[in-house]
Amino acid sequence: MKIRALIAIFPILFAALPMAHGAEGEGASRLPADEHFKVETLADGFIDAMELAVTKDGRVFVVERTGGVMLFDPKTGDVSEVGHLPVAIRQEEFARESGLLGIALDPRFEENGWLYLFYSRPEASIQRLARFTFAEGKLGEEKVVLEFPHDRQNAVCHEGGSLAFGPDGCLYLSTGDNTCPFESNGYGPIDERPDRHWYDSQRSAANSNNLRGKVLRIRPTAEGGYEIPEGNLFASGTDKTRPEIFAMGCRNPFRISIDSHSGFLYWGEVGPDAAATTERGSVGFDEINQARKAGYFGWPYFVADNLPYADYDFATETIGAKFDPAHPVNDSPNNTGLKTLPEATKPLWSYPRASACAGPVYHHADYPESAEKLPEVFDGSLIVYDWTSAWIRVIKLDADGQIEWNEPWLGRHLFIHPVDMELGSKGELYVLEYGTPWYDGTDGKLKKITYSETPIAIDVTAADPRMKGLDLEHPGAKLIGKTTCLACHTTQQKSIGPAYKEVAKKYAADPDARDRLAAKILAGGLGAWGPIPMPPHPQHNIEETQQMVDAILGMEVKEKK
């Protein structure tokens, strides 16, 4: 699935989004009211929907993490499976976020039928970028473009997987740091102890000789291979480097986009999970990054505006000096690349940990004859969104790519785990929803957003289907609905965390459960429902967590009535 480091999708109160670290404060909205946008569901029933690609005639490819390549036909409204790849997918702690992860259409797709897929091979620990030929309604010939090894054990995650072509004809691919984040207390995973390389992101994201934790940039050739374009971070032949690297120092660059005019690269960096700032480093932040040129973007030594982590010794539990963003040094024994890294680049914008994604940059003049295009106020704007919190925002950029303003958009509409966005040939915006549960969901949706000068009545179901069974008028249920709890829990079905109805059943006869569970939400915990930790949540107070627990435990009482 998408998938961010799992901890970042645990419940955080996110009703009000702080605007620090690179954006203006909230004011009177510059955007048209939500009633001026039509949000329609085109298709549903996708399994772990991952990424979409829109053809010039309005057909939409959707890839599913479990291997399906689906095609929506706007003329008939039908969805057909045009291919299915054998992929490695989650089995307990194996291949936690692997599968079919990304898709991009060749710039000349209408002529050559080429599309590119990024997926996890099942027979070996290999990530593969391949070109397929789409003909007569089916995927045909496969040409392997690029492969690299990656780890799949010890609860590693962060695989990235997003694909996009730039205006220069280069193909960009995001790759995650492929590291287990659960034994670093939410700070930089730099565990250098022997036989602990799964917990050391210095071996991947900060390694100039490794393709993980990066955004790669290549120029595909007609024969099915690739060339190295000028302008990447390391010139071909540079010792201890890979020339495919454009941006390094990425944790989980989950969704990327390329400005079709400027060529600037954007991505959402799904950030670390620390619940508090300590001597080891900063509280967790997500980032929206902008790369005007190749560079190093900080992970695992820095977060947000280059806030440094301490050089922590996991063997002795000693907190060392803070890393220097002007002179980052990777001296890990697991590093096979350069020891001295480029100066760290700050993000365009950062905000408290969740699951950041970058959508497209809109240019109004590109759609002169369209009645469906977004309004002119969006011109030059980057659309961003969050998989966990399900909000969408519009970041207005000036001619130099700096933020002019940053505003929420479509807050009256319900989106469940938005996982990808792409503009169509008429300036309309397509949104792909991953679906409700963390794994093996079957309710992913494809939606289309168009502008209307005449207001449209908003018909959105008030109740999130993930809250079925809760008393929606209960103050605790209202708190749950405003937090990111539902990214990790649903009421009826196990996701990454237990279903709330199972929690209610387990503790129905326990008179001490209310206070104990409320305290656990604040302090965090591990073990009651398996090996996945729940981090502490000090942003709540005990009264709020007690109300949330009351709402959950009340489900058992409600069912018995």
Protein backbone atom coordinates (compact mmCIF):
# COMPACT_ATOMS: atom_id res chain seq x y z
CA MET A 1 0.00 0.00 0.00
CA LYS A 2 1.12 3.46 0.10
CA ILE A 3 2.78 3.06 2.53
CA ARG A 4 4.27 5.31 5.14
CA ALA A 5 6.13 4.20 8.19
CA LEU A 6 3.41 2.58 10.01
CA ILE A 7 3.72 4.53 13.18
CA ALA A 8 2.87 7.79 11.51
CA ILE A 9 -0.61 6.56 10.85
CA PHE A 10 -1.50 6.04 14.47
CA PRO A 11 -3.96 8.47 16.00
CA ILE A 12 -2.82 12.07 16.25
CA LEU A 13 -5.12 14.98 16.80
CA PHE A 14 -4.95 16.73 13.44
CA ALA A 15 -8.08 18.86 13.40
CA ALA A 16 -6.07 22.06 12.98
CA LEU A 17 -3.03 21.88 10.74
CA PRO A 18 -0.15 24.05 11.97
CA MET A 19 1.26 26.31 9.31
CA ALA A 20 4.81 26.59 10.59
CA HIS A 21 7.88 25.58 8.58
CA GLY A 22 7.30 27.27 5.25
CA ALA A 23 3.68 28.40 4.84
CA GLU A 24 1.49 31.35 5.71
CA GLY A 25 -1.12 31.27 8.43
CA GLU A 26 -4.77 30.73 7.63
CA GLY A 27 -6.88 33.68 6.51
CA ALA A 28 -9.81 34.39 4.23
CA SER A 29 -9.84 31.71 1.55
CA ARG A 30 -8.67 32.61 -1.93
CA LEU A 31 -10.24 29.45 -3.34
CA PRO A 32 -13.85 29.08 -4.54
CA ALA A 33 -16.20 27.42 -2.06
CA ASP A 34 -16.43 23.64 -2.13
CA GLU A 35 -19.86 23.91 -3.77
CA HIS A 36 -18.12 25.00 -6.98
CA PHE A 37 -16.40 21.65 -7.41
CA LYS A 38 -18.03 18.42 -8.51
CA VAL A 39 -16.52 15.31 -6.93
CA GLU A 40 -17.81 12.17 -8.63
CA THR A 41 -16.92 8.53 -8.17
CA LEU A 42 -16.06 6.94 -11.51
CA ALA A 43 -15.23 3.43 -10.32
CA ASP A 44 -14.71 1.45 -7.13
CA GLY A 45 -13.78 -2.00 -5.88
CA PHE A 46 -10.01 -1.62 -6.33
CA ILE A 47 -7.77 -3.80 -4.13
CA ASP A 48 -5.10 -1.75 -2.34
CA ALA A 49 -5.13 0.88 -5.09
CA MET A 50 -1.68 2.45 -5.49
CA GLU A 51 -1.16 4.76 -8.45
CA LEU A 52 -3.01 5.94 -11.55
CA ALA A 53 -2.13 7.10 -15.06
CA VAL A 54 -4.50 8.99 -17.36
CA THR A 55 -4.44 8.70 -21.15
CA LYS A 56 -5.16 11.65 -23.42
CA ASP A 57 -8.58 10.20 -24.30
CA GLY A 58 -9.61 9.93 -20.63
CA ARG A 59 -8.98 6.26 -19.92
CA VAL A 60 -7.41 5.68 -16.53
CA PHE A 61 -4.98 2.92 -15.57
CA VAL A 62 -4.96 1.92 -11.90
CA VAL A 63 -2.38 -0.41 -10.37
CA GLU A 64 -3.21 -2.52 -7.33
CA ARG A 65 -0.55 -3.47 -4.80
CA THR A 66 -1.52 -7.14 -5.17
CA GLY A 67 -0.50 -7.12 -8.85
CA GLY A 68 -3.55 -6.08 -10.84
CA VAL A 69 -3.31 -3.56 -13.68
CA MET A 70 -6.81 -2.18 -14.17
CA LEU A 71 -8.24 0.10 -16.85
CA PHE A 72 -11.27 2.39 -16.49
CA ASP A 73 -13.10 3.26 -19.72
CA PRO A 74 -15.06 6.54 -19.44
CA LYS A 75 -17.21 5.63 -22.44
CA THR A 76 -18.69 2.57 -20.78
CA GLY A 77 -17.88 3.19 -17.11
CA ASP A 78 -16.40 -0.31 -16.96
CA VAL A 79 -13.19 -1.43 -15.27
CA SER A 80 -11.25 -4.35 -16.76
CA GLU A 81 -8.10 -6.13 -15.69
CA VAL A 82 -5.59 -5.74 -18.52
CA GLY A 83 -2.72 -7.47 -16.76
CA HIS A 84 -1.64 -9.10 -13.52
CA LEU A 85 1.95 -9.27 -12.32
CA PRO A 86 3.35 -11.85 -9.92
CA VAL A 87 4.50 -9.79 -6.96
CA ALA A 88 5.80 -10.22 -3.43
CA ILE A 89 3.24 -8.95 -0.94
CA ARG A 90 2.94 -8.89 2.81
CA GLN A 91 3.10 -12.10 4.79
CA GLU A 92 3.28 -11.27 8.49
CA GLU A 93 6.57 -9.34 8.83
CA PHE A 94 7.72 -10.19 5.29
CA ALA A 95 7.55 -7.68 2.42
CA ARG A 96 5.46 -5.33 4.53
CA GLU A 97 5.03 -2.69 1.82
CA SER A 98 6.08 -4.54 -1.32
CA GLY A 99 3.97 -5.28 -4.39
CA LEU A 100 3.00 -3.46 -7.55
CA LEU A 101 3.73 0.12 -6.54
CA GLY A 102 3.83 2.55 -9.45
CA ILE A 103 2.86 3.27 -13.06
CA ALA A 104 3.70 5.91 -15.68
CA LEU A 105 2.75 6.20 -19.33
CA ASP A 106 5.45 6.90 -21.90
CA PRO A 107 5.19 10.47 -23.26
CA ARG A 108 4.38 8.88 -26.65
CA PHE A 109 2.02 6.26 -25.24
CA GLU A 110 -0.65 6.94 -27.86
CA GLU A 111 1.88 5.97 -30.54
CA ASN A 112 3.96 3.21 -28.96
CA GLY A 113 1.69 1.77 -26.23
CA TRP A 114 4.54 1.75 -23.70
CA LEU A 115 3.93 1.99 -19.99
CA TYR A 116 6.30 1.58 -17.06
CA LEU A 117 5.62 -0.40 -13.89
CA PHE A 118 7.61 -0.65 -10.67
CA TYR A 119 7.09 -3.82 -8.66
CA SER A 120 8.55 -6.36 -6.21
CA ARG A 121 9.62 -9.62 -7.75
CA PRO A 122 8.35 -12.64 -5.77
CA GLU A 123 11.16 -15.13 -6.46
CA ALA A 124 13.97 -12.93 -5.09
CA SER A 125 14.36 -9.79 -3.01
CA ILE A 126 14.42 -7.58 -6.09
CA GLN A 127 12.66 -4.34 -6.98
CA ARG A 128 12.09 -4.04 -10.73
CA LEU A 129 11.32 -1.19 -13.09
CA ALA A 130 10.03 -2.57 -16.38
CA ARG A 131 8.50 -1.34 -19.61
CA PHE A 132 5.43 -3.11 -20.96
CA THR A 133 3.69 -2.77 -24.31
CA PHE A 134 -0.08 -2.28 -24.07
CA ALA A 135 -1.83 -3.58 -27.18
CA GLU A 136 -5.28 -4.98 -27.99
CA GLY A 137 -6.46 -4.30 -24.45
CA LYS A 138 -3.74 -6.31 -22.68
CA LEU A 139 -0.23 -5.93 -21.31
CA GLY A 140 2.25 -7.56 -23.64
CA GLU A 141 6.01 -7.67 -23.93
CA GLU A 142 8.06 -6.82 -20.82
CA LYS A 143 11.51 -5.27 -20.99
CA VAL A 144 13.43 -5.00 -17.73
CA VAL A 145 14.79 -1.47 -17.40
CA LEU A 146 16.33 -1.45 -13.92
CA GLU A 147 16.57 -3.78 -10.93
CA PHE A 148 18.11 -3.50 -7.49
CA PRO A 149 18.12 -5.71 -4.36
CA HIS A 150 16.19 -4.80 -1.25
CA ASP A 151 15.49 -6.29 2.17
CA ARG A 152 12.16 -7.87 3.08
CA GLN A 153 12.63 -9.19 6.60
CA ASN A 154 12.73 -7.79 10.12
CA ALA A 155 9.72 -5.50 9.60
CA VAL A 156 11.43 -3.23 7.08
CA CYS A 157 9.17 -0.82 5.23
CA HIS A 158 9.21 2.35 3.10
CA GLU A 159 9.36 1.39 -0.57
CA GLY A 160 8.25 4.58 -2.33
CA GLY A 161 7.46 3.39 -5.83
CA SER A 162 6.02 6.46 -7.55
CA LEU A 163 6.78 7.03 -11.25
CA ALA A 164 6.53 10.23 -13.30
CA PHE A 165 7.92 11.63 -16.53
CA GLY A 166 9.34 15.15 -16.67
CA PRO A 167 9.07 17.60 -19.56
CA ASP A 168 12.63 16.67 -20.53
CA GLY A 169 11.56 13.10 -21.28
CA CYS A 170 13.32 11.71 -18.21
CA LEU A 171 11.63 9.12 -16.02
CA TYR A 172 11.70 9.68 -12.25
CA LEU A 173 11.30 6.84 -9.73
CA SER A 174 11.00 7.23 -5.96
CA THR A 175 12.43 4.54 -3.68
CA GLY A 176 12.09 4.28 0.10
CA ASP A 177 14.85 3.68 2.62
CA ASN A 178 13.73 0.03 3.11
CA THR A 179 14.47 0.25 6.84
CA CYS A 180 12.66 -0.84 10.00
CA PRO A 181 11.68 2.35 11.90
CA PHE A 182 10.25 0.64 14.96
CA GLU A 183 13.41 0.31 17.07
CA SER A 184 14.63 3.89 16.97
CA ASN A 185 12.01 5.55 19.20
CA GLY A 186 10.87 7.61 16.24
CA TYR A 187 14.24 9.30 15.68
CA GLY A 188 16.85 8.70 12.99
CA PRO A 189 17.37 4.95 12.42
CA ILE A 190 21.17 4.80 12.55
CA ASP A 191 21.75 1.53 14.41
CA GLU A 192 25.32 0.49 13.55
CA ARG A 193 25.52 -2.63 15.72
CA PRO A 194 26.65 -5.85 13.96
CA ASP A 195 23.90 -7.79 12.18
CA ARG A 196 21.49 -4.87 12.55
CA HIS A 197 21.67 -3.37 9.07
CA TRP A 198 17.87 -3.51 8.71
CA TYR A 199 17.70 -0.74 11.32
CA ASP A 200 20.29 1.54 9.70
CA SER A 201 19.05 3.92 7.02
CA GLN A 202 22.63 5.09 6.51
CA ARG A 203 23.09 1.96 4.37
CA SER A 204 20.38 3.15 1.98
CA ALA A 205 19.07 6.74 2.11
CA ALA A 206 22.45 8.28 3.02
CA ASN A 207 24.46 5.90 0.84
CA SER A 208 25.57 7.43 -2.48
CA ASN A 209 26.23 3.92 -3.83
CA ASN A 210 22.73 2.55 -3.20
CA LEU A 211 19.45 3.16 -5.07
CA ARG A 212 17.20 3.01 -2.00
CA GLY A 213 15.97 6.13 -0.22
CA LYS A 214 16.22 8.16 -3.40
CA VAL A 215 14.47 9.70 -6.35
CA LEU A 216 16.14 8.28 -9.45
CA ARG A 217 16.22 10.03 -12.83
CA ILE A 218 16.94 8.18 -16.07
CA ARG A 219 16.27 8.59 -19.78
CA PRO A 220 14.62 5.44 -21.21
CA THR A 221 15.84 4.25 -24.60
CA ALA A 222 13.81 2.74 -27.42
CA GLU A 223 15.58 -0.58 -26.89
CA GLY A 224 14.27 -0.85 -23.33
CA GLY A 225 17.32 0.28 -21.40
CA TYR A 226 18.23 3.74 -20.16
CA GLU A 227 20.80 6.49 -20.35
CA ILE A 228 22.02 8.84 -17.63
CA PRO A 229 20.91 12.42 -18.30
CA GLU A 230 23.02 15.42 -17.40
CA GLY A 231 22.27 17.11 -14.10
CA ASN A 232 22.01 14.12 -11.77
CA LEU A 233 23.71 14.28 -8.38
CA PHE A 234 26.77 12.24 -9.32
CA ALA A 235 28.45 12.13 -12.71
CA SER A 236 28.85 8.72 -14.35
CA GLY A 237 32.08 7.07 -13.27
CA THR A 238 32.31 8.85 -9.90
CA ASP A 239 33.72 6.37 -7.39
CA LYS A 240 31.31 4.99 -4.77
CA THR A 241 28.22 6.52 -6.37
CA ARG A 242 25.28 5.58 -8.59
CA PRO A 243 24.70 7.98 -11.50
CA GLU A 244 20.92 7.31 -11.52
CA ILE A 245 20.51 9.30 -8.29
CA PHE A 246 18.85 12.70 -8.57
CA ALA A 247 17.69 13.23 -4.97
CA MET A 248 19.05 11.28 -2.01
CA GLY A 249 18.34 11.35 1.71
CA CYS A 250 14.70 10.23 1.46
CA ARG A 251 12.78 8.23 4.04
CA ASN A 252 9.65 7.32 2.10
CA PRO A 253 9.13 9.58 -0.93
CA PHE A 254 5.74 8.11 -1.57
CA ARG A 255 4.15 10.27 -4.26
CA ILE A 256 6.09 12.46 -6.68
CA SER A 257 5.19 14.92 -9.43
CA ILE A 258 7.09 17.00 -11.98
CA ASP A 259 6.07 20.54 -12.92
CA SER A 260 5.46 20.34 -16.68
CA HIS A 261 6.72 23.94 -17.13
CA SER A 262 9.65 24.39 -14.75
CA GLY A 263 10.71 20.75 -14.52
CA PHE A 264 10.92 21.05 -10.72
CA LEU A 265 10.50 17.75 -8.87
CA TYR A 266 8.08 17.55 -5.93
CA TRP A 267 7.46 14.75 -3.47
CA GLY A 268 5.78 14.08 -0.17
CA GLU A 269 8.25 12.76 2.39
CA VAL A 270 6.47 10.50 4.86
CA GLY A 271 8.27 11.43 8.02
CA PRO A 272 9.50 9.91 11.29
CA ASP A 273 7.44 9.22 14.35
CA ALA A 274 8.97 10.76 17.45
CA ALA A 275 6.20 12.13 19.68
CA ALA A 276 8.42 14.69 21.40
CA THR A 277 11.60 16.70 20.92
CA THR A 278 14.40 15.37 23.12
CA GLU A 279 18.19 15.41 23.22
CA ARG A 280 18.13 12.80 20.44
CA GLY A 281 16.26 15.08 18.05
CA SER A 282 13.05 16.66 16.87
CA VAL A 283 9.46 15.57 17.12
CA GLY A 284 8.31 13.96 13.88
CA PHE A 285 7.50 15.99 10.78
CA ASP A 286 6.36 15.23 7.24
CA GLU A 287 7.75 17.22 4.34
CA ILE A 288 6.75 18.51 0.94
CA ASN A 289 10.02 18.70 -0.93
CA GLN A 290 10.96 20.67 -4.02
CA ALA A 291 14.09 19.81 -6.02
CA ARG A 292 15.03 22.51 -8.50
CA LYS A 293 18.26 20.62 -9.01
CA ALA A 294 19.85 17.42 -7.76
CA GLY A 295 20.67 17.30 -4.05
CA TYR A 296 20.73 15.60 -0.67
CA PHE A 297 17.57 16.07 1.38
CA GLY A 298 18.66 15.08 4.86
CA TRP A 299 17.44 11.65 5.93
CA PRO A 300 18.35 10.04 8.31
CA TYR A 301 20.32 12.91 9.90
CA PHE A 302 17.82 15.78 9.61
CA VAL A 303 14.08 16.42 9.48
CA ALA A 304 11.89 19.43 8.61
CA ASP A 305 14.01 22.60 8.27
CA ASN A 306 17.22 20.58 8.71
CA LEU A 307 16.51 19.96 12.41
CA PRO A 308 19.41 17.65 13.34
CA TYR A 309 19.37 14.32 15.11
CA ALA A 310 22.08 13.36 17.57
CA ASP A 311 24.69 10.76 16.65
CA TYR A 312 23.18 8.12 18.93
CA ASP A 313 25.16 5.00 19.86
CA PHE A 314 22.63 2.16 20.10
CA ALA A 315 25.15 -0.17 21.76
CA THR A 316 26.01 2.11 24.68
CA GLU A 317 22.83 4.24 24.56
CA THR A 318 25.05 7.30 24.45
CA ILE A 319 23.78 10.55 22.90
CA GLY A 320 26.52 12.17 20.85
CA ALA A 321 26.85 15.46 18.99
CA LYS A 322 24.19 16.72 16.59
CA PHE A 323 24.77 16.20 12.88
CA ASP A 324 25.73 19.28 10.85
CA PRO A 325 23.47 19.98 7.82
CA ALA A 326 26.24 21.99 6.16
CA HIS A 327 28.69 19.08 6.42
CA PRO A 328 26.83 15.75 6.81
CA VAL A 329 29.09 12.73 7.27
CA ASN A 330 28.09 9.07 6.88
CA ASP A 331 30.59 6.96 8.79
CA SER A 332 28.34 3.93 9.22
CA PRO A 333 30.02 0.55 8.70
CA ASN A 334 27.03 -0.28 6.50
CA ASN A 335 27.79 2.57 4.10
CA THR A 336 29.37 1.58 0.78
CA GLY A 337 29.31 5.09 -0.66
CA LEU A 338 30.88 8.46 -0.03
CA LYS A 339 31.58 9.40 3.56
CA THR A 340 31.14 13.17 3.06
CA LEU A 341 27.69 14.04 1.68
CA PRO A 342 26.38 17.19 -0.05
CA GLU A 343 24.91 19.95 2.10
CA ALA A 344 21.36 19.12 3.19
CA THR A 345 18.51 20.88 1.35
CA LYS A 346 15.51 22.16 3.31
CA PRO A 347 11.98 21.14 2.33
CA LEU A 348 9.47 23.46 0.71
CA TRP A 349 7.08 22.91 3.64
CA SER A 350 6.79 20.62 6.64
CA TYR A 351 4.09 19.78 9.16
CA PRO A 352 3.48 17.34 12.06
CA ARG A 353 3.90 13.69 11.16
CA ALA A 354 1.25 12.03 9.01
CA SER A 355 1.58 10.78 5.39
CA ALA A 356 2.49 13.56 2.97
CA CYS A 357 1.96 13.20 -0.79
CA ALA A 358 2.65 15.59 -3.66
CA GLY A 359 0.09 15.97 -6.41
CA PRO A 360 0.39 17.86 -9.70
CA VAL A 361 1.26 21.47 -10.45
CA TYR A 362 -1.60 23.13 -12.36
CA HIS A 363 -1.14 25.57 -15.25
CA HIS A 364 -4.40 27.18 -16.34
CA ALA A 365 -3.26 28.16 -19.86
CA ASP A 366 -2.56 24.53 -20.75
CA TYR A 367 -6.33 23.92 -21.12
CA PRO A 368 -7.67 26.89 -23.13
CA GLU A 369 -10.80 25.21 -24.54
CA SER A 370 -11.86 23.10 -21.55
CA ALA A 371 -14.99 23.72 -19.53
CA GLU A 372 -13.94 21.17 -16.87
CA LYS A 373 -10.58 22.67 -15.93
CA LEU A 374 -9.78 24.03 -12.50
CA PRO A 375 -10.24 27.81 -12.09
CA GLU A 376 -7.53 30.37 -12.77
CA VAL A 377 -6.79 30.93 -9.07
CA PHE A 378 -5.11 27.49 -9.14
CA ASP A 379 -2.64 28.62 -11.81
CA GLY A 380 0.93 27.84 -10.77
CA SER A 381 -0.24 25.90 -7.71
CA LEU A 382 1.00 22.62 -6.31
CA ILE A 383 -1.80 20.40 -5.02
CA VAL A 384 -0.76 18.33 -2.02
CA TYR A 385 -2.62 15.84 0.14
CA ASP A 386 -2.21 13.49 3.06
CA TRP A 387 -2.93 9.76 2.96
CA THR A 388 -3.50 9.50 6.69
CA SER A 389 -5.43 12.67 7.47
CA ALA A 390 -7.18 12.73 4.06
CA TRP A 391 -6.96 16.52 3.63
CA ILE A 392 -6.11 18.30 0.39
CA ARG A 393 -4.31 21.65 0.19
CA VAL A 394 -3.39 24.09 -2.56
CA ILE A 395 0.08 25.67 -2.37
CA LYS A 396 0.34 28.74 -4.58
CA LEU A 397 3.86 29.18 -5.97
CA ASP A 398 5.41 32.31 -7.42
CA ALA A 399 7.54 32.42 -10.57
CA ASP A 400 10.59 31.33 -8.59
CA GLY A 401 8.84 28.37 -6.97
CA GLN A 402 8.45 30.02 -3.55
CA ILE A 403 5.23 29.70 -1.53
CA GLU A 404 2.80 32.63 -1.84
CA TRP A 405 0.01 30.99 0.14
CA ASN A 406 -1.11 27.57 1.35
CA GLU A 407 -4.81 26.79 1.88
CA PRO A 408 -7.07 23.82 2.61
CA TRP A 409 -9.38 22.65 -0.18
CA LEU A 410 -12.50 20.45 -0.40
CA GLY A 411 -12.77 20.02 3.35
CA ARG A 412 -16.51 19.35 3.09
CA HIS A 413 -15.93 16.29 0.95
CA LEU A 414 -14.98 12.86 2.29
CA PHE A 415 -11.81 11.23 0.99
CA ILE A 416 -10.58 7.93 2.41
CA HIS A 417 -6.81 7.45 2.12
CA PRO A 418 -6.16 9.48 -1.04
CA VAL A 419 -3.15 7.77 -2.59
CA ASP A 420 -2.56 9.46 -5.95
CA MET A 421 -3.64 12.47 -8.03
CA GLU A 422 -3.17 13.35 -11.68
CA LEU A 423 -4.50 15.99 -14.04
CA GLY A 424 -6.36 14.88 -17.15
CA SER A 425 -6.06 16.35 -20.64
CA LYS A 426 -8.94 18.78 -19.94
CA GLY A 427 -7.54 20.17 -16.69
CA GLU A 428 -9.74 17.94 -14.56
CA LEU A 429 -8.24 16.30 -11.47
CA TYR A 430 -8.37 12.55 -10.87
CA VAL A 431 -8.06 11.24 -7.32
CA LEU A 432 -7.36 7.64 -6.40
CA GLU A 433 -8.39 6.38 -2.95
CA TYR A 434 -6.46 3.45 -1.52
CA GLY A 435 -9.42 2.12 0.43
CA THR A 436 -10.38 1.62 4.05
CA PRO A 437 -8.11 -1.01 5.69
CA TRP A 438 -4.34 -1.00 5.74
CA TYR A 439 -4.06 -4.32 3.89
CA ASP A 440 -6.23 -6.23 1.41
CA GLY A 441 -9.01 -3.69 1.16
CA THR A 442 -11.49 -4.02 -1.70
CA ASP A 443 -13.08 -0.56 -1.61
CA GLY A 444 -10.53 1.63 -3.40
CA LYS A 445 -12.16 4.33 -5.53
CA LEU A 446 -11.35 6.44 -8.57
CA LYS A 447 -12.82 9.96 -8.39
CA LYS A 448 -12.83 12.97 -10.70
CA ILE A 449 -12.95 16.64 -9.65
CA THR A 450 -14.16 19.33 -12.03
CA TYR A 451 -14.99 23.01 -11.59
CA SER A 452 -18.46 24.54 -11.94
CA GLU A 453 -19.15 28.28 -12.00
CA THR A 454 -22.64 27.45 -10.74
CA PRO A 455 -22.67 26.10 -7.16
CA ILE A 456 -23.56 22.42 -6.77
CA ALA A 457 -25.26 21.01 -3.69
CA ILE A 458 -22.78 18.85 -1.79
CA ASP A 459 -24.15 15.37 -1.22
CA VAL A 460 -21.64 13.62 0.98
CA THR A 461 -22.51 10.85 3.39
CA ALA A 462 -21.99 12.34 6.84
CA ALA A 463 -20.78 9.10 8.43
CA ASP A 464 -17.37 7.74 7.50
CA PRO A 465 -17.87 4.01 6.80
CA ARG A 466 -14.88 3.32 9.03
CA MET A 467 -16.96 4.61 11.97
CA LYS A 468 -19.86 2.18 11.49
CA GLY A 469 -21.14 1.06 14.87
CA LEU A 470 -20.00 4.10 16.85
CA ASP A 471 -22.50 6.51 18.34
CA LEU A 472 -21.69 9.46 16.11
CA GLU A 473 -23.13 11.93 18.62
CA HIS A 474 -20.82 10.71 21.37
CA PRO A 475 -18.08 13.29 22.12
CA GLY A 476 -15.46 10.54 22.00
CA ALA A 477 -16.62 9.45 18.54
CA LYS A 478 -16.41 13.03 17.34
CA LEU A 479 -12.82 13.17 18.59
CA ILE A 480 -12.00 9.92 16.77
CA GLY A 481 -13.49 11.33 13.59
CA LYS A 482 -11.24 14.40 13.79
CA THR A 483 -8.03 12.48 14.44
CA THR A 484 -6.02 10.13 12.24
CA CYS A 485 -7.05 7.07 14.28
CA LEU A 486 -9.06 5.78 11.32
CA ALA A 487 -5.95 5.45 9.20
CA CYS A 488 -4.89 2.55 11.40
CA HIS A 489 -8.17 1.31 12.87
CA THR A 490 -11.67 0.75 11.58
CA THR A 491 -14.64 -0.21 13.69
CA GLN A 492 -15.47 -3.48 11.92
CA GLN A 493 -12.34 -4.82 10.24
CA LYS A 494 -8.77 -5.36 11.40
CA SER A 495 -6.40 -2.95 9.68
CA ILE A 496 -2.85 -2.38 10.90
CA GLY A 497 -4.43 -2.15 14.35
CA PRO A 498 -7.36 -4.12 15.81
CA ALA A 499 -10.95 -3.38 14.87
CA TYR A 500 -12.64 -1.25 17.50
CA LYS A 501 -15.45 -3.79 17.84
CA GLU A 502 -12.82 -6.37 18.88
CA VAL A 503 -11.38 -3.93 21.40
CA ALA A 504 -14.86 -3.38 22.82
CA LYS A 505 -15.48 -7.12 23.05
CA LYS A 506 -12.14 -7.88 24.68
CA TYR A 507 -12.57 -5.33 27.46
CA ALA A 508 -16.36 -5.48 27.91
CA ALA A 509 -16.16 -7.17 31.32
CA ASP A 510 -13.04 -5.38 32.56
CA PRO A 511 -14.02 -2.62 35.04
CA ASP A 512 -10.54 -1.09 34.91
CA ALA A 513 -10.29 -1.02 31.11
CA ARG A 514 -11.46 2.58 30.66
CA ASP A 515 -8.71 4.20 32.68
CA ARG A 516 -6.03 1.75 31.59
CA LEU A 517 -6.73 2.17 27.87
CA ALA A 518 -7.02 5.96 28.16
CA ALA A 519 -3.62 6.05 29.83
CA LYS A 520 -2.19 3.73 27.19
CA ILE A 521 -3.23 6.09 24.39
CA LEU A 522 -1.26 8.83 26.12
CA ALA A 523 1.79 6.72 26.96
CA GLY A 524 1.88 4.29 24.02
CA GLY A 525 2.26 0.56 24.24
CA LEU A 526 3.14 -2.75 22.63
CA GLY A 527 2.05 -6.37 22.80
CA ALA A 528 -1.68 -6.43 23.50
CA TRP A 529 -2.56 -6.94 19.82
CA GLY A 530 0.73 -8.12 18.35
CA PRO A 531 4.24 -6.79 17.68
CA ILE A 532 3.25 -3.42 16.18
CA PRO A 533 3.84 -0.57 18.64
CA MET A 534 1.44 2.26 19.35
CA PRO A 535 3.39 5.43 20.09
CA PRO A 536 2.59 7.88 22.88
CA HIS A 537 0.17 10.73 22.17
CA PRO A 538 0.89 13.54 24.62
CA GLN A 539 -1.04 16.02 22.46
CA HIS A 540 -4.22 14.61 24.02
CA ASN A 541 -5.27 15.03 27.62
CA ILE A 542 -6.68 12.26 29.80
CA GLU A 543 -10.23 13.57 29.54
CA GLU A 544 -10.11 13.34 25.74
CA THR A 545 -8.66 9.84 25.69
CA GLN A 546 -11.25 8.69 28.25
CA GLN A 547 -14.01 10.00 25.99
CA MET A 548 -12.54 8.15 23.02
CA VAL A 549 -12.31 4.92 25.02
CA ASP A 550 -15.91 5.38 26.21
CA ALA A 551 -17.08 5.62 22.60
CA ILE A 552 -15.19 2.48 21.62
CA LEU A 553 -16.27 0.39 24.60
CA GLY A 554 -19.82 1.61 24.05
CA MET A 555 -19.95 -0.34 20.81
CA GLU A 556 -20.30 -3.61 22.72
CA VAL A 557 -23.16 -2.19 24.78
CA LYS A 558 -24.83 -0.87 21.62
CA GLU A 559 -24.62 -4.26 19.88
CA LYS A 560 -26.28 -6.04 22.81
CA LYS A 561 -29.27 -3.70 22.89
